[in-house]
Amino acid sequence: DNQDLRRYGGLISFLPLTYTVILIASLSLVAFPFMTGFYS
C-alpha cells in the first residue's frame, strides 16, 4: 500500500503483467500511433 514512486523500482521482474498493461495505457495516453488515445 505504498504510493510513493521514489520507493519503487525494479518491479518489472515481479509484476510483468502490470508493467505491460500500464505501458499500453501510457502509450494510449500519450497518443502513440494506432493506440486508442491516438485517434482522438
PDB file of all heavy atoms in Angstrom:
ATOM      1  N   ASP A   1       0.798  -1.227   0.000  1.00  0.00           N
ATOM      2  CA  ASP A   1       0.000   0.000   0.000  1.00  0.00           C
ATOM      3  C   ASP A   1       0.831   1.277   0.000  1.00  0.00           C
ATOM      4  O   ASP A   1       0.388   2.313   0.501  1.00  0.00           O
ATOM      5  CB  ASP A   1      -0.961   0.011   1.191  1.00  0.00           C
ATOM      6  CG  ASP A   1      -1.983  -1.103   1.123  1.00  0.00           C
ATOM      7  OD1 ASP A   1      -2.309  -1.550   0.014  1.00  0.00           O
ATOM      8  OD2 ASP A   1      -2.456  -1.553   2.184  1.00  0.00           O
ATOM      9  N   ASN A   2       2.002   1.215  -0.560  1.00  0.00           N
ATOM     10  CA  ASN A   2       2.826   2.416  -0.683  1.00  0.00           C
ATOM     11  C   ASN A   2       2.565   3.075  -2.035  1.00  0.00           C
ATOM     12  O   ASN A   2       2.513   2.398  -3.059  1.00  0.00           O
ATOM     13  CB  ASN A   2       4.316   2.064  -0.556  1.00  0.00           C
ATOM     14  CG  ASN A   2       5.201   3.284  -0.746  1.00  0.00           C
ATOM     15  OD1 ASN A   2       5.013   4.302  -0.101  1.00  0.00           O
ATOM     16  ND2 ASN A   2       6.151   3.170  -1.654  1.00  0.00           N
ATOM     17  N   GLN A   3       2.406   4.407  -2.066  1.00  0.00           N
ATOM     18  CA  GLN A   3       2.086   5.128  -3.290  1.00  0.00           C
ATOM     19  C   GLN A   3       3.210   6.043  -3.759  1.00  0.00           C
ATOM     20  O   GLN A   3       3.064   6.712  -4.781  1.00  0.00           O
ATOM     21  CB  GLN A   3       0.807   5.953  -3.097  1.00  0.00           C
ATOM     22  CG  GLN A   3      -0.415   5.110  -2.784  1.00  0.00           C
ATOM     23  CD  GLN A   3      -1.674   5.930  -2.602  1.00  0.00           C
ATOM     24  OE1 GLN A   3      -2.694   5.431  -2.090  1.00  0.00           O
ATOM     25  NE2 GLN A   3      -1.657   7.184  -3.030  1.00  0.00           N
ATOM     26  N   ASP A   4       4.324   6.064  -3.054  1.00  0.00           N
ATOM     27  CA  ASP A   4       5.435   6.958  -3.374  1.00  0.00           C
ATOM     28  C   ASP A   4       6.305   6.324  -4.465  1.00  0.00           C
ATOM     29  O   ASP A   4       6.868   5.244  -4.266  1.00  0.00           O
ATOM     30  CB  ASP A   4       6.261   7.249  -2.129  1.00  0.00           C
ATOM     31  CG  ASP A   4       7.213   8.423  -2.321  1.00  0.00           C
ATOM     32  OD1 ASP A   4       7.521   8.777  -3.482  1.00  0.00           O
ATOM     33  OD2 ASP A   4       7.645   9.000  -1.310  1.00  0.00           O
ATOM     34  N   LEU A   5       6.406   6.989  -5.602  1.00  0.00           N
ATOM     35  CA  LEU A   5       7.227   6.475  -6.699  1.00  0.00           C
ATOM     36  C   LEU A   5       8.679   6.295  -6.310  1.00  0.00           C
ATOM     37  O   LEU A   5       9.372   5.427  -6.858  1.00  0.00           O
ATOM     38  CB  LEU A   5       7.134   7.411  -7.907  1.00  0.00           C
ATOM     39  CG  LEU A   5       5.838   7.402  -8.730  1.00  0.00           C
ATOM     40  CD1 LEU A   5       5.882   8.523  -9.746  1.00  0.00           C
ATOM     41  CD2 LEU A   5       5.668   6.067  -9.431  1.00  0.00           C
ATOM     42  N   ARG A   6       9.141   7.121  -5.389  1.00  0.00           N
ATOM     43  CA  ARG A   6      10.549   7.080  -5.005  1.00  0.00           C
ATOM     44  C   ARG A   6      10.915   5.827  -4.222  1.00  0.00           C
ATOM     45  O   ARG A   6      12.089   5.558  -3.995  1.00  0.00           O
ATOM     46  CB  ARG A   6      10.910   8.331  -4.204  1.00  0.00           C
ATOM     47  CG  ARG A   6      10.796   9.621  -5.022  1.00  0.00           C
ATOM     48  CD  ARG A   6      10.829  10.855  -4.165  1.00  0.00           C
ATOM     49  NE  ARG A   6       9.663  10.957  -3.309  1.00  0.00           N
ATOM     50  CZ  ARG A   6       9.390  12.001  -2.534  1.00  0.00           C
ATOM     51  NH1 ARG A   6      10.205  13.050  -2.538  1.00  0.00           N
ATOM     52  NH2 ARG A   6       8.301  12.003  -1.776  1.00  0.00           N
ATOM     53  N   ARG A   7       9.885   5.076  -3.782  1.00  0.00           N
ATOM     54  CA  ARG A   7      10.108   3.828  -3.048  1.00  0.00           C
ATOM     55  C   ARG A   7       9.871   2.613  -3.932  1.00  0.00           C
ATOM     56  O   ARG A   7       9.784   1.484  -3.441  1.00  0.00           O
ATOM     57  CB  ARG A   7       9.204   3.768  -1.812  1.00  0.00           C
ATOM     58  CG  ARG A   7       9.334   4.961  -0.871  1.00  0.00           C
ATOM     59  CD  ARG A   7      10.694   5.074  -0.251  1.00  0.00           C
ATOM     60  NE  ARG A   7      11.007   3.911   0.560  1.00  0.00           N
ATOM     61  CZ  ARG A   7      10.645   3.761   1.832  1.00  0.00           C
ATOM     62  NH1 ARG A   7       9.967   4.722   2.423  1.00  0.00           N
ATOM     63  NH2 ARG A   7      10.969   2.687   2.528  1.00  0.00           N
ATOM     64  N   TYR A   8       9.733   2.840  -5.229  1.00  0.00           N
ATOM     65  CA  TYR A   8       9.545   1.748  -6.178  1.00  0.00           C
ATOM     66  C   TYR A   8      10.868   1.433  -6.858  1.00  0.00           C
ATOM     67  O   TYR A   8      11.937   1.774  -6.388  1.00  0.00           O
ATOM     68  CB  TYR A   8       8.496   2.113  -7.230  1.00  0.00           C
ATOM     69  CG  TYR A   8       7.080   2.269  -6.708  1.00  0.00           C
ATOM     70  CD1 TYR A   8       6.089   2.833  -7.507  1.00  0.00           C
ATOM     71  CD2 TYR A   8       6.739   1.863  -5.433  1.00  0.00           C
ATOM     72  CE1 TYR A   8       4.796   2.984  -7.046  1.00  0.00           C
ATOM     73  CE2 TYR A   8       5.440   1.991  -4.960  1.00  0.00           C
ATOM     74  CZ  TYR A   8       4.470   2.569  -5.768  1.00  0.00           C
ATOM     75  OH  TYR A   8       3.193   2.707  -5.314  1.00  0.00           O
ATOM     76  N   GLY A   9      10.764   0.813  -8.009  1.00  0.00           N
ATOM     77  CA  GLY A   9      11.924   0.495  -8.837  1.00  0.00           C
ATOM     78  C   GLY A   9      12.120  -1.005  -8.987  1.00  0.00           C
ATOM     79  O   GLY A   9      11.994  -1.765  -8.017  1.00  0.00           O
ATOM     80  N   GLY A  10      12.457  -1.422 -10.209  1.00  0.00           N
ATOM     81  CA  GLY A  10      12.785  -2.824 -10.458  1.00  0.00           C
ATOM     82  C   GLY A  10      11.613  -3.778 -10.359  1.00  0.00           C
ATOM     83  O   GLY A  10      11.818  -4.997 -10.231  1.00  0.00           O
ATOM     84  N   LEU A  11      10.371  -3.279 -10.446  1.00  0.00           N
ATOM     85  CA  LEU A  11       9.208  -4.149 -10.283  1.00  0.00           C
ATOM     86  C   LEU A  11       8.822  -4.886 -11.556  1.00  0.00           C
ATOM     87  O   LEU A  11       7.873  -5.674 -11.535  1.00  0.00           O
ATOM     88  CB  LEU A  11       8.003  -3.332  -9.792  1.00  0.00           C
ATOM     89  CG  LEU A  11       8.098  -2.784  -8.362  1.00  0.00           C
ATOM     90  CD1 LEU A  11       6.892  -1.906  -8.048  1.00  0.00           C
ATOM     91  CD2 LEU A  11       8.176  -3.930  -7.361  1.00  0.00           C
ATOM     92  N   ILE A  12       9.531  -4.642 -12.659  1.00  0.00           N
ATOM     93  CA  ILE A  12       9.196  -5.317 -13.905  1.00  0.00           C
ATOM     94  C   ILE A  12       9.368  -6.825 -13.794  1.00  0.00           C
ATOM     95  O   ILE A  12       8.621  -7.599 -14.415  1.00  0.00           O
ATOM     96  CB  ILE A  12      10.037  -4.740 -15.072  1.00  0.00           C
ATOM     97  CG1 ILE A  12       9.579  -5.315 -16.402  1.00  0.00           C
ATOM     98  CG2 ILE A  12      11.521  -4.987 -14.834  1.00  0.00           C
ATOM     99  CD1 ILE A  12      10.246  -4.666 -17.604  1.00  0.00           C
ATOM    100  N   SER A  13      10.313  -7.272 -12.994  1.00  0.00           N
ATOM    101  CA  SER A  13      10.545  -8.709 -12.827  1.00  0.00           C
ATOM    102  C   SER A  13       9.476  -9.359 -11.952  1.00  0.00           C
ATOM    103  O   SER A  13       9.226 -10.562 -12.079  1.00  0.00           O
ATOM    104  CB  SER A  13      11.926  -8.951 -12.212  1.00  0.00           C
ATOM    105  OG  SER A  13      12.946  -8.391 -13.017  1.00  0.00           O
ATOM    106  N   PHE A  14       8.862  -8.590 -11.084  1.00  0.00           N
ATOM    107  CA  PHE A  14       7.876  -9.121 -10.162  1.00  0.00           C
ATOM    108  C   PHE A  14       6.444  -8.953 -10.678  1.00  0.00           C
ATOM    109  O   PHE A  14       5.578  -9.756 -10.354  1.00  0.00           O
ATOM    110  CB  PHE A  14       7.999  -8.432  -8.796  1.00  0.00           C
ATOM    111  CG  PHE A  14       9.347  -8.558  -8.178  1.00  0.00           C
ATOM    112  CD1 PHE A  14      10.341  -7.615  -8.428  1.00  0.00           C
ATOM    113  CD2 PHE A  14       9.648  -9.623  -7.355  1.00  0.00           C
ATOM    114  CE1 PHE A  14      11.600  -7.719  -7.849  1.00  0.00           C
ATOM    115  CE2 PHE A  14      10.901  -9.746  -6.769  1.00  0.00           C
ATOM    116  CZ  PHE A  14      11.881  -8.790  -7.034  1.00  0.00           C
ATOM    117  N   LEU A  15       6.220  -7.904 -11.477  1.00  0.00           N
ATOM    118  CA  LEU A  15       4.876  -7.593 -11.968  1.00  0.00           C
ATOM    119  C   LEU A  15       4.894  -7.428 -13.485  1.00  0.00           C
ATOM    120  O   LEU A  15       4.636  -6.337 -14.002  1.00  0.00           O
ATOM    121  CB  LEU A  15       4.341  -6.318 -11.302  1.00  0.00           C
ATOM    122  CG  LEU A  15       4.358  -6.257  -9.766  1.00  0.00           C
ATOM    123  CD1 LEU A  15       3.991  -4.866  -9.287  1.00  0.00           C
ATOM    124  CD2 LEU A  15       3.417  -7.291  -9.179  1.00  0.00           C
ATOM    125  N   PRO A  16       5.186  -8.470 -14.248  1.00  0.00           N
ATOM    126  CA  PRO A  16       5.275  -8.307 -15.709  1.00  0.00           C
ATOM    127  C   PRO A  16       3.931  -7.949 -16.349  1.00  0.00           C
ATOM    128  O   PRO A  16       3.880  -7.137 -17.275  1.00  0.00           O
ATOM    129  CB  PRO A  16       5.782  -9.671 -16.183  1.00  0.00           C
ATOM    130  CG  PRO A  16       5.424 -10.621 -15.084  1.00  0.00           C
ATOM    131  CD  PRO A  16       5.483  -9.841 -13.820  1.00  0.00           C
ATOM    132  N   LEU A  17       2.843  -8.543 -15.880  1.00  0.00           N
ATOM    133  CA  LEU A  17       1.532  -8.224 -16.443  1.00  0.00           C
ATOM    134  C   LEU A  17       1.145  -6.777 -16.151  1.00  0.00           C
ATOM    135  O   LEU A  17       0.658  -6.063 -17.051  1.00  0.00           O
ATOM    136  CB  LEU A  17       0.475  -9.175 -15.888  1.00  0.00           C
ATOM    137  CG  LEU A  17      -0.970  -8.894 -16.327  1.00  0.00           C
ATOM    138  CD1 LEU A  17      -1.108  -9.048 -17.842  1.00  0.00           C
ATOM    139  CD2 LEU A  17      -1.965  -9.795 -15.603  1.00  0.00           C
ATOM    140  N   THR A  18       1.352  -6.340 -14.925  1.00  0.00           N
ATOM    141  CA  THR A  18       1.038  -4.961 -14.561  1.00  0.00           C
ATOM    142  C   THR A  18       1.874  -3.984 -15.367  1.00  0.00           C
ATOM    143  O   THR A  18       1.375  -2.954 -15.823  1.00  0.00           O
ATOM    144  CB  THR A  18       1.266  -4.753 -13.059  1.00  0.00           C
ATOM    145  OG1 THR A  18       0.502  -5.706 -12.325  1.00  0.00           O
ATOM    146  CG2 THR A  18       0.847  -3.360 -12.645  1.00  0.00           C
ATOM    147  N   TYR A  19       3.146  -4.306 -15.555  1.00  0.00           N
ATOM    148  CA  TYR A  19       4.007  -3.457 -16.369  1.00  0.00           C
ATOM    149  C   TYR A  19       3.491  -3.358 -17.798  1.00  0.00           C
ATOM    150  O   TYR A  19       3.452  -2.265 -18.390  1.00  0.00           O
ATOM    151  CB  TYR A  19       5.432  -4.001 -16.363  1.00  0.00           C
ATOM    152  CG  TYR A  19       6.318  -3.411 -17.430  1.00  0.00           C
ATOM    153  CD1 TYR A  19       6.783  -2.100 -17.338  1.00  0.00           C
ATOM    154  CD2 TYR A  19       6.679  -4.154 -18.559  1.00  0.00           C
ATOM    155  CE1 TYR A  19       7.582  -1.555 -18.326  1.00  0.00           C
ATOM    156  CE2 TYR A  19       7.480  -3.627 -19.544  1.00  0.00           C
ATOM    157  CZ  TYR A  19       7.928  -2.322 -19.430  1.00  0.00           C
ATOM    158  OH  TYR A  19       8.718  -1.788 -20.413  1.00  0.00           O
ATOM    159  N   THR A  20       3.051  -4.461 -18.348  1.00  0.00           N
ATOM    160  CA  THR A  20       2.563  -4.488 -19.727  1.00  0.00           C
ATOM    161  C   THR A  20       1.323  -3.620 -19.888  1.00  0.00           C
ATOM    162  O   THR A  20       1.226  -2.813 -20.821  1.00  0.00           O
ATOM    163  CB  THR A  20       2.263  -5.929 -20.157  1.00  0.00           C
ATOM    164  OG1 THR A  20       3.436  -6.731 -19.996  1.00  0.00           O
ATOM    165  CG2 THR A  20       1.811  -5.969 -21.607  1.00  0.00           C
ATOM    166  N   VAL A  21       0.369  -3.772 -18.980  1.00  0.00           N
ATOM    167  CA  VAL A  21      -0.886  -3.016 -19.122  1.00  0.00           C
ATOM    168  C   VAL A  21      -0.674  -1.531 -18.859  1.00  0.00           C
ATOM    169  O   VAL A  21      -1.296  -0.686 -19.524  1.00  0.00           O
ATOM    170  CB  VAL A  21      -1.979  -3.602 -18.199  1.00  0.00           C
ATOM    171  CG1 VAL A  21      -2.285  -5.040 -18.594  1.00  0.00           C
ATOM    172  CG2 VAL A  21      -1.600  -3.512 -16.738  1.00  0.00           C
ATOM    173  N   ILE A  22       0.186  -1.172 -17.903  1.00  0.00           N
ATOM    174  CA  ILE A  22       0.467   0.247 -17.664  1.00  0.00           C
ATOM    175  C   ILE A  22       1.200   0.851 -18.859  1.00  0.00           C
ATOM    176  O   ILE A  22       0.958   2.001 -19.235  1.00  0.00           O
ATOM    177  CB  ILE A  22       1.271   0.421 -16.360  1.00  0.00           C
ATOM    178  CG1 ILE A  22       0.375   0.132 -15.152  1.00  0.00           C
ATOM    179  CG2 ILE A  22       1.841   1.828 -16.255  1.00  0.00           C
ATOM    180  CD1 ILE A  22       1.058   0.304 -13.808  1.00  0.00           C
ATOM    181  N   LEU A  23       2.078   0.078 -19.480  1.00  0.00           N
ATOM    182  CA  LEU A  23       2.768   0.554 -20.686  1.00  0.00           C
ATOM    183  C   LEU A  23       1.765   0.797 -21.810  1.00  0.00           C
ATOM    184  O   LEU A  23       1.833   1.816 -22.505  1.00  0.00           O
ATOM    185  CB  LEU A  23       3.822  -0.464 -21.122  1.00  0.00           C
ATOM    186  CG  LEU A  23       4.606  -0.116 -22.400  1.00  0.00           C
ATOM    187  CD1 LEU A  23       5.397   1.179 -22.207  1.00  0.00           C
ATOM    188  CD2 LEU A  23       5.538  -1.260 -22.792  1.00  0.00           C
ATOM    189  N   ILE A  24       0.817  -0.130 -21.981  1.00  0.00           N
ATOM    190  CA  ILE A  24      -0.212   0.041 -23.011  1.00  0.00           C
ATOM    191  C   ILE A  24      -1.053   1.279 -22.725  1.00  0.00           C
ATOM    192  O   ILE A  24      -1.329   2.093 -23.620  1.00  0.00           O
ATOM    193  CB  ILE A  24      -1.090  -1.226 -23.086  1.00  0.00           C
ATOM    194  CG1 ILE A  24      -0.280  -2.395 -23.640  1.00  0.00           C
ATOM    195  CG2 ILE A  24      -2.330  -0.978 -23.945  1.00  0.00           C
ATOM    196  CD1 ILE A  24      -1.005  -3.725 -23.559  1.00  0.00           C
ATOM    197  N   ALA A  25      -1.474   1.446 -21.474  1.00  0.00           N
ATOM    198  CA  ALA A  25      -2.286   2.609 -21.102  1.00  0.00           C
ATOM    199  C   ALA A  25      -1.511   3.909 -21.281  1.00  0.00           C
ATOM    200  O   ALA A  25      -2.065   4.913 -21.739  1.00  0.00           O
ATOM    201  CB  ALA A  25      -2.768   2.463 -19.660  1.00  0.00           C
ATOM    202  N   SER A  26      -0.230   3.909 -20.943  1.00  0.00           N
ATOM    203  CA  SER A  26       0.589   5.114 -21.086  1.00  0.00           C
ATOM    204  C   SER A  26       0.787   5.470 -22.555  1.00  0.00           C
ATOM    205  O   SER A  26       0.751   6.647 -22.926  1.00  0.00           O
ATOM    206  CB  SER A  26       1.937   4.916 -20.391  1.00  0.00           C
ATOM    207  OG  SER A  26       1.769   4.699 -19.001  1.00  0.00           O
ATOM    208  N   LEU A  27       1.001   4.461 -23.393  1.00  0.00           N
ATOM    209  CA  LEU A  27       1.129   4.725 -24.826  1.00  0.00           C
ATOM    210  C   LEU A  27      -0.158   5.296 -25.394  1.00  0.00           C
ATOM    211  O   LEU A  27      -0.131   6.188 -26.248  1.00  0.00           O
ATOM    212  CB  LEU A  27       1.508   3.433 -25.559  1.00  0.00           C
ATOM    213  CG  LEU A  27       2.925   2.901 -25.311  1.00  0.00           C
ATOM    214  CD1 LEU A  27       3.116   1.560 -25.992  1.00  0.00           C
ATOM    215  CD2 LEU A  27       3.973   3.901 -25.797  1.00  0.00           C
ATOM    216  N   SER A  28      -1.283   4.804 -24.933  1.00  0.00           N
ATOM    217  CA  SER A  28      -2.558   5.354 -25.374  1.00  0.00           C
ATOM    218  C   SER A  28      -2.753   6.776 -24.854  1.00  0.00           C
ATOM    219  O   SER A  28      -3.300   7.631 -25.548  1.00  0.00           O
ATOM    220  CB  SER A  28      -3.692   4.450 -24.912  1.00  0.00           C
ATOM    221  OG  SER A  28      -4.918   4.823 -25.491  1.00  0.00           O
ATOM    222  N   LEU A  29      -2.287   7.028 -23.634  1.00  0.00           N
ATOM    223  CA  LEU A  29      -2.408   8.365 -23.040  1.00  0.00           C
ATOM    224  C   LEU A  29      -1.600   9.400 -23.808  1.00  0.00           C
ATOM    225  O   LEU A  29      -2.063  10.523 -24.040  1.00  0.00           O
ATOM    226  CB  LEU A  29      -1.961   8.319 -21.576  1.00  0.00           C
ATOM    227  CG  LEU A  29      -1.845   9.645 -20.828  1.00  0.00           C
ATOM    228  CD1 LEU A  29      -3.204  10.327 -20.723  1.00  0.00           C
ATOM    229  CD2 LEU A  29      -1.261   9.434 -19.430  1.00  0.00           C
ATOM    230  N   VAL A  30      -0.389   9.045 -24.210  1.00  0.00           N
ATOM    231  CA  VAL A  30       0.477   9.988 -24.921  1.00  0.00           C
ATOM    232  C   VAL A  30       0.181  10.031 -26.410  1.00  0.00           C
ATOM    233  O   VAL A  30       0.888  10.678 -27.181  1.00  0.00           O
ATOM    234  CB  VAL A  30       1.960   9.661 -24.682  1.00  0.00           C
ATOM    235  CG1 VAL A  30       2.288   9.675 -23.214  1.00  0.00           C
ATOM    236  CG2 VAL A  30       2.340   8.329 -25.312  1.00  0.00           C
ATOM    237  N   ALA A  31      -0.901   9.325 -26.831  1.00  0.00           N
ATOM    238  CA  ALA A  31      -1.340   9.306 -28.236  1.00  0.00           C
ATOM    239  C   ALA A  31      -0.295   8.697 -29.162  1.00  0.00           C
ATOM    240  O   ALA A  31       0.004   9.231 -30.244  1.00  0.00           O
ATOM    241  CB  ALA A  31      -1.711  10.711 -28.701  1.00  0.00           C
ATOM    242  N   PHE A  32       0.259   7.550 -28.738  1.00  0.00           N
ATOM    243  CA  PHE A  32       1.162   6.830 -29.619  1.00  0.00           C
ATOM    244  C   PHE A  32       0.358   6.297 -30.799  1.00  0.00           C
ATOM    245  O   PHE A  32      -0.764   5.836 -30.637  1.00  0.00           O
ATOM    246  CB  PHE A  32       1.841   5.688 -28.862  1.00  0.00           C
ATOM    247  CG  PHE A  32       2.993   5.077 -29.590  1.00  0.00           C
ATOM    248  CD1 PHE A  32       4.243   5.672 -29.545  1.00  0.00           C
ATOM    249  CD2 PHE A  32       2.842   3.924 -30.334  1.00  0.00           C
ATOM    250  CE1 PHE A  32       5.315   5.119 -30.229  1.00  0.00           C
ATOM    251  CE2 PHE A  32       3.899   3.365 -31.016  1.00  0.00           C
ATOM    252  CZ  PHE A  32       5.147   3.968 -30.965  1.00  0.00           C
ATOM    253  N   PRO A  33       0.906   6.372 -32.005  1.00  0.00           N
ATOM    254  CA  PRO A  33       0.140   5.967 -33.191  1.00  0.00           C
ATOM    255  C   PRO A  33      -0.471   4.583 -33.085  1.00  0.00           C
ATOM    256  O   PRO A  33       0.175   3.631 -32.632  1.00  0.00           O
ATOM    257  CB  PRO A  33       1.187   6.040 -34.311  1.00  0.00           C
ATOM    258  CG  PRO A  33       2.132   7.092 -33.857  1.00  0.00           C
ATOM    259  CD  PRO A  33       2.215   6.947 -32.370  1.00  0.00           C
ATOM    260  N   PHE A  34      -1.744   4.543 -33.503  1.00  0.00           N
ATOM    261  CA  PHE A  34      -2.551   3.338 -33.610  1.00  0.00           C
ATOM    262  C   PHE A  34      -2.994   2.767 -32.271  1.00  0.00           C
ATOM    263  O   PHE A  34      -3.571   1.684 -32.231  1.00  0.00           O
ATOM    264  CB  PHE A  34      -1.826   2.265 -34.427  1.00  0.00           C
ATOM    265  CG  PHE A  34      -1.271   2.778 -35.722  1.00  0.00           C
ATOM    266  CD1 PHE A  34       0.096   2.829 -35.949  1.00  0.00           C
ATOM    267  CD2 PHE A  34      -2.122   3.259 -36.710  1.00  0.00           C
ATOM    268  CE1 PHE A  34       0.606   3.327 -37.133  1.00  0.00           C
ATOM    269  CE2 PHE A  34      -1.616   3.763 -37.907  1.00  0.00           C
ATOM    270  CZ  PHE A  34      -0.251   3.806 -38.118  1.00  0.00           C
ATOM    271  N   MET A  35      -2.758   3.507 -31.187  1.00  0.00           N
ATOM    272  CA  MET A  35      -3.385   3.176 -29.922  1.00  0.00           C
ATOM    273  C   MET A  35      -4.709   3.927 -29.821  1.00  0.00           C
ATOM    274  O   MET A  35      -4.994   4.845 -30.592  1.00  0.00           O
ATOM    275  CB  MET A  35      -2.475   3.538 -28.749  1.00  0.00           C
ATOM    276  CG  MET A  35      -1.096   2.898 -28.813  1.00  0.00           C
ATOM    277  SD  MET A  35      -1.127   1.107 -28.648  1.00  0.00           S
ATOM    278  CE  MET A  35      -1.497   0.932 -26.923  1.00  0.00           C
ATOM    279  N   THR A  36      -5.542   3.539 -28.879  1.00  0.00           N
ATOM    280  CA  THR A  36      -6.877   4.121 -28.788  1.00  0.00           C
ATOM    281  C   THR A  36      -6.845   5.631 -28.622  1.00  0.00           C
ATOM    282  O   THR A  36      -7.585   6.360 -29.295  1.00  0.00           O
ATOM    283  CB  THR A  36      -7.643   3.473 -27.618  1.00  0.00           C
ATOM    284  OG1 THR A  36      -8.012   2.144 -27.972  1.00  0.00           O
ATOM    285  CG2 THR A  36      -8.908   4.254 -27.301  1.00  0.00           C
ATOM    286  N   GLY A  37      -6.006   6.131 -27.731  1.00  0.00           N
ATOM    287  CA  GLY A  37      -5.952   7.566 -27.486  1.00  0.00           C
ATOM    288  C   GLY A  37      -5.452   8.382 -28.652  1.00  0.00           C
ATOM    289  O   GLY A  37      -5.723   9.587 -28.737  1.00  0.00           O
ATOM    290  N   PHE A  38      -4.743   7.752 -29.576  1.00  0.00           N
ATOM    291  CA  PHE A  38      -4.175   8.468 -30.717  1.00  0.00           C
ATOM    292  C   PHE A  38      -5.251   9.039 -31.625  1.00  0.00           C
ATOM    293  O   PHE A  38      -5.137  10.176 -32.105  1.00  0.00           O
ATOM    294  CB  PHE A  38      -3.259   7.522 -31.498  1.00  0.00           C
ATOM    295  CG  PHE A  38      -2.871   8.017 -32.861  1.00  0.00           C
ATOM    296  CD1 PHE A  38      -1.912   8.994 -33.009  1.00  0.00           C
ATOM    297  CD2 PHE A  38      -3.482   7.502 -33.998  1.00  0.00           C
ATOM    298  CE1 PHE A  38      -1.557   9.454 -34.269  1.00  0.00           C
ATOM    299  CE2 PHE A  38      -3.126   7.950 -35.255  1.00  0.00           C
ATOM    300  CZ  PHE A  38      -2.171   8.930 -35.393  1.00  0.00           C
ATOM    301  N   TYR A  39      -6.297   8.272 -31.867  1.00  0.00           N
ATOM    302  CA  TYR A  39      -7.296   8.654 -32.859  1.00  0.00           C
ATOM    303  C   TYR A  39      -8.123   9.859 -32.435  1.00  0.00           C
ATOM    304  O   TYR A  39      -8.664  10.560 -33.278  1.00  0.00           O
ATOM    305  CB  TYR A  39      -8.210   7.463 -33.153  1.00  0.00           C
ATOM    306  CG  TYR A  39      -7.490   6.314 -33.804  1.00  0.00           C
ATOM    307  CD1 TYR A  39      -7.047   5.236 -33.050  1.00  0.00           C
ATOM    308  CD2 TYR A  39      -7.238   6.309 -35.161  1.00  0.00           C
ATOM    309  CE1 TYR A  39      -6.378   4.182 -33.629  1.00  0.00           C
ATOM    310  CE2 TYR A  39      -6.559   5.261 -35.759  1.00  0.00           C
ATOM    311  CZ  TYR A  39      -6.125   4.214 -34.985  1.00  0.00           C
ATOM    312  OH  TYR A  39      -5.441   3.167 -35.575  1.00  0.00           O
ATOM    313  N   SER A  40      -8.230  10.119 -31.164  1.00  0.00           N
ATOM    314  CA  SER A  40      -8.989  11.275 -30.707  1.00  0.00           C
ATOM    315  C   SER A  40      -8.084  12.443 -30.329  1.00  0.00           C
ATOM    316  O   SER A  40      -8.319  13.582 -30.758  1.00  0.00           O
ATOM    317  CB  SER A  40      -9.866  10.893 -29.518  1.00  0.00           C
ATOM    318  OG  SER A  40      -9.097  10.281 -28.497  1.00  0.00           O
TER     319      SER A  40
END
